[in-house]
Each structure stands twice: as C-alpha cells, then as structure tokens.
Amino acid sequence: MIITRIHHHYDKNNEKTSTEVHANWHEIKSTRNRILSETDWRFMSDQTPSQEWIDYRQFLRDLPQQFTDSNQAADAWNAYPIPE
C-alpha cells in the first residue's frame, strides 16, 4: 500500500477497529514525486526499463489528470501493481 487510507486501532481488550482516512492531494503528489525521483535511475541511458516500469511511471504522472477525487486516486494507486 502506497497511500495509507485505513488506520487500525486496538483498544485495551485488543479489539481492532478500522478508520478510513481521507487522502489529500499534497500527500499523493509528494509521495508520487519521491517515487518518480527514486526510480529515475531505471531510465538512464545505460538501462532498459521494462514496459511495466514505463506504464507505472506514466500512471503516476497522470494521477492528477485522471482523478478529480484524491481518495479515488489513492485507491487506484494502491491497487496498481508495482513492477519488480
């Protein structure tokens, strides 16, 4: 999971409750930018990136244009398979 939208809490009896958390665009864009930066090395001239990495990075760059709702963007990102 990239953007945490569910927080789990345990009470004194070790009972778990879950709370859905609103994702905000600042967190999404900041995490996206960090991941794009951390994976730039895969696209240097001496590397041959897989199609999965090309598609994943394009998906990340397109997030703000593809989704108007930040929660939908976070959920879609969490569901997207991260390349190996």
C-alpha atoms as a PDB file:
ATOM      1  CA  MET A   1       0.000   0.000   0.000  1.00  0.00           C
ATOM      2  CA  ILE A   2       1.442   3.323  -1.047  1.00  0.00           C
ATOM      3  CA  ILE A   3      -1.022   5.786   0.472  1.00  0.00           C
ATOM      4  CA  THR A   4      -2.484   4.558   3.763  1.00  0.00           C
ATOM      5  CA  ARG A   5      -6.240   5.074   3.783  1.00  0.00           C
ATOM      6  CA  ILE A   6      -7.192   2.656   6.543  1.00  0.00           C
ATOM      7  CA  HIS A   7      -5.831   3.083  10.057  1.00  0.00           C
ATOM      8  CA  HIS A   8      -6.240   0.265  12.548  1.00  0.00           C
ATOM      9  CA  HIS A   9      -6.652   0.913  16.244  1.00  0.00           C
ATOM     10  CA  TYR A  10      -6.612  -1.562  19.112  1.00  0.00           C
ATOM     11  CA  ASP A  11      -8.383  -0.958  22.391  1.00  0.00           C
ATOM     12  CA  LYS A  12      -7.331  -2.232  25.816  1.00  0.00           C
ATOM     13  CA  ASN A  13      -9.003  -5.601  25.065  1.00  0.00           C
ATOM     14  CA  ASN A  14      -7.018  -5.904  21.840  1.00  0.00           C
ATOM     15  CA  GLU A  15     -10.176  -5.354  19.789  1.00  0.00           C
ATOM     16  CA  LYS A  16      -9.376  -3.900  16.401  1.00  0.00           C
ATOM     17  CA  THR A  17     -11.315  -1.054  14.828  1.00  0.00           C
ATOM     18  CA  SER A  18     -10.556   0.457  11.461  1.00  0.00           C
ATOM     19  CA  THR A  19     -10.977   4.054  10.397  1.00  0.00           C
ATOM     20  CA  GLU A  20     -10.965   5.251   6.811  1.00  0.00           C
ATOM     21  CA  VAL A  21      -8.698   8.254   6.352  1.00  0.00           C
ATOM     22  CA  HIS A  22      -9.083  10.943   3.694  1.00  0.00           C
ATOM     23  CA  ALA A  23      -6.143  11.138   1.289  1.00  0.00           C
ATOM     24  CA  ASN A  24      -5.066  14.615   0.294  1.00  0.00           C
ATOM     25  CA  TRP A  25      -3.511  15.712  -2.969  1.00  0.00           C
ATOM     26  CA  HIS A  26      -0.440  17.128  -1.251  1.00  0.00           C
ATOM     27  CA  GLU A  27       0.434  13.722   0.234  1.00  0.00           C
ATOM     28  CA  ILE A  28      -0.282  11.932  -3.048  1.00  0.00           C
ATOM     29  CA  LYS A  29       1.791  14.313  -5.183  1.00  0.00           C
ATOM     30  CA  SER A  30       4.635  14.439  -2.707  1.00  0.00           C
ATOM     31  CA  THR A  31       4.820  10.620  -2.483  1.00  0.00           C
ATOM     32  CA  ARG A  32       4.496  10.335  -6.261  1.00  0.00           C
ATOM     33  CA  ASN A  33       7.311  12.817  -6.846  1.00  0.00           C
ATOM     34  CA  ARG A  34       9.548  10.966  -4.386  1.00  0.00           C
ATOM     35  CA  ILE A  35       8.923   7.619  -6.087  1.00  0.00           C
ATOM     36  CA  LEU A  36       9.485   9.084  -9.549  1.00  0.00           C
ATOM     37  CA  SER A  37      12.752  10.582  -8.342  1.00  0.00           C
ATOM     38  CA  GLU A  38      13.853   7.331  -6.681  1.00  0.00           C
ATOM     39  CA  THR A  39      13.199   5.354  -9.871  1.00  0.00           C
ATOM     40  CA  ASP A  40      14.770   7.781 -12.354  1.00  0.00           C
ATOM     41  CA  TRP A  41      17.868   5.558 -12.472  1.00  0.00           C
ATOM     42  CA  ARG A  42      15.836   2.937 -14.343  1.00  0.00           C
ATOM     43  CA  PHE A  43      15.607   5.352 -17.280  1.00  0.00           C
ATOM     44  CA  MET A  44      19.236   6.363 -17.623  1.00  0.00           C
ATOM     45  CA  SER A  45      20.896   5.777 -20.977  1.00  0.00           C
ATOM     46  CA  ASP A  46      22.604   2.562 -19.845  1.00  0.00           C
ATOM     47  CA  GLN A  47      19.343   0.985 -18.628  1.00  0.00           C
ATOM     48  CA  THR A  48      16.499  -0.675 -20.497  1.00  0.00           C
ATOM     49  CA  PRO A  49      13.326  -0.217 -18.465  1.00  0.00           C
ATOM     50  CA  SER A  50      10.595  -2.818 -18.704  1.00  0.00           C
ATOM     51  CA  GLN A  51       7.234  -1.896 -20.165  1.00  0.00           C
ATOM     52  CA  GLU A  52       5.784  -2.356 -16.656  1.00  0.00           C
ATOM     53  CA  TRP A  53       8.042   0.414 -15.326  1.00  0.00           C
ATOM     54  CA  ILE A  54       7.231   2.674 -18.265  1.00  0.00           C
ATOM     55  CA  ASP A  55       3.493   2.143 -17.675  1.00  0.00           C
ATOM     56  CA  TYR A  56       3.761   2.556 -13.894  1.00  0.00           C
ATOM     57  CA  ARG A  57       5.624   5.856 -14.123  1.00  0.00           C
ATOM     58  CA  GLN A  58       3.147   7.132 -16.715  1.00  0.00           C
ATOM     59  CA  PHE A  59       0.309   6.145 -14.383  1.00  0.00           C
ATOM     60  CA  LEU A  60       1.977   8.152 -11.600  1.00  0.00           C
ATOM     61  CA  ARG A  61       2.478  11.209 -13.794  1.00  0.00           C
ATOM     62  CA  ASP A  62      -1.167  11.042 -14.942  1.00  0.00           C
ATOM     63  CA  LEU A  63      -2.740  10.661 -11.473  1.00  0.00           C
ATOM     64  CA  PRO A  64      -3.880  14.295 -11.036  1.00  0.00           C
ATOM     65  CA  GLN A  65      -5.357  14.424 -14.544  1.00  0.00           C
ATOM     66  CA  GLN A  66      -7.083  11.038 -14.317  1.00  0.00           C
ATOM     67  CA  PHE A  67      -8.795  11.540 -10.959  1.00  0.00           C
ATOM     68  CA  THR A  68     -10.601  14.557  -9.577  1.00  0.00           C
ATOM     69  CA  ASP A  69     -11.032  12.940  -6.167  1.00  0.00           C
ATOM     70  CA  SER A  70      -7.886  12.370  -4.105  1.00  0.00           C
ATOM     71  CA  ASN A  71      -9.348   9.297  -2.380  1.00  0.00           C
ATOM     72  CA  GLN A  72     -10.067   7.656  -5.736  1.00  0.00           C
ATOM     73  CA  ALA A  73      -6.520   8.456  -6.868  1.00  0.00           C
ATOM     74  CA  ALA A  74      -5.038   6.933  -3.701  1.00  0.00           C
ATOM     75  CA  ASP A  75      -7.210   3.819  -4.007  1.00  0.00           C
ATOM     76  CA  ALA A  76      -6.296   3.369  -7.681  1.00  0.00           C
ATOM     77  CA  TRP A  77      -2.614   3.752  -6.857  1.00  0.00           C
ATOM     78  CA  ASN A  78      -2.868   1.221  -4.045  1.00  0.00           C
ATOM     79  CA  ALA A  79      -4.492  -1.233  -6.473  1.00  0.00           C
ATOM     80  CA  TYR A  80      -1.900  -0.682  -9.224  1.00  0.00           C
ATOM     81  CA  PRO A  81       0.677  -3.483  -9.406  1.00  0.00           C
ATOM     82  CA  ILE A  82       4.136  -2.105  -8.615  1.00  0.00           C
ATOM     83  CA  PRO A  83       6.753  -3.503 -11.022  1.00  0.00           C
ATOM     84  CA  GLU A  84       9.555  -5.655  -9.711  1.00  0.00           C
END
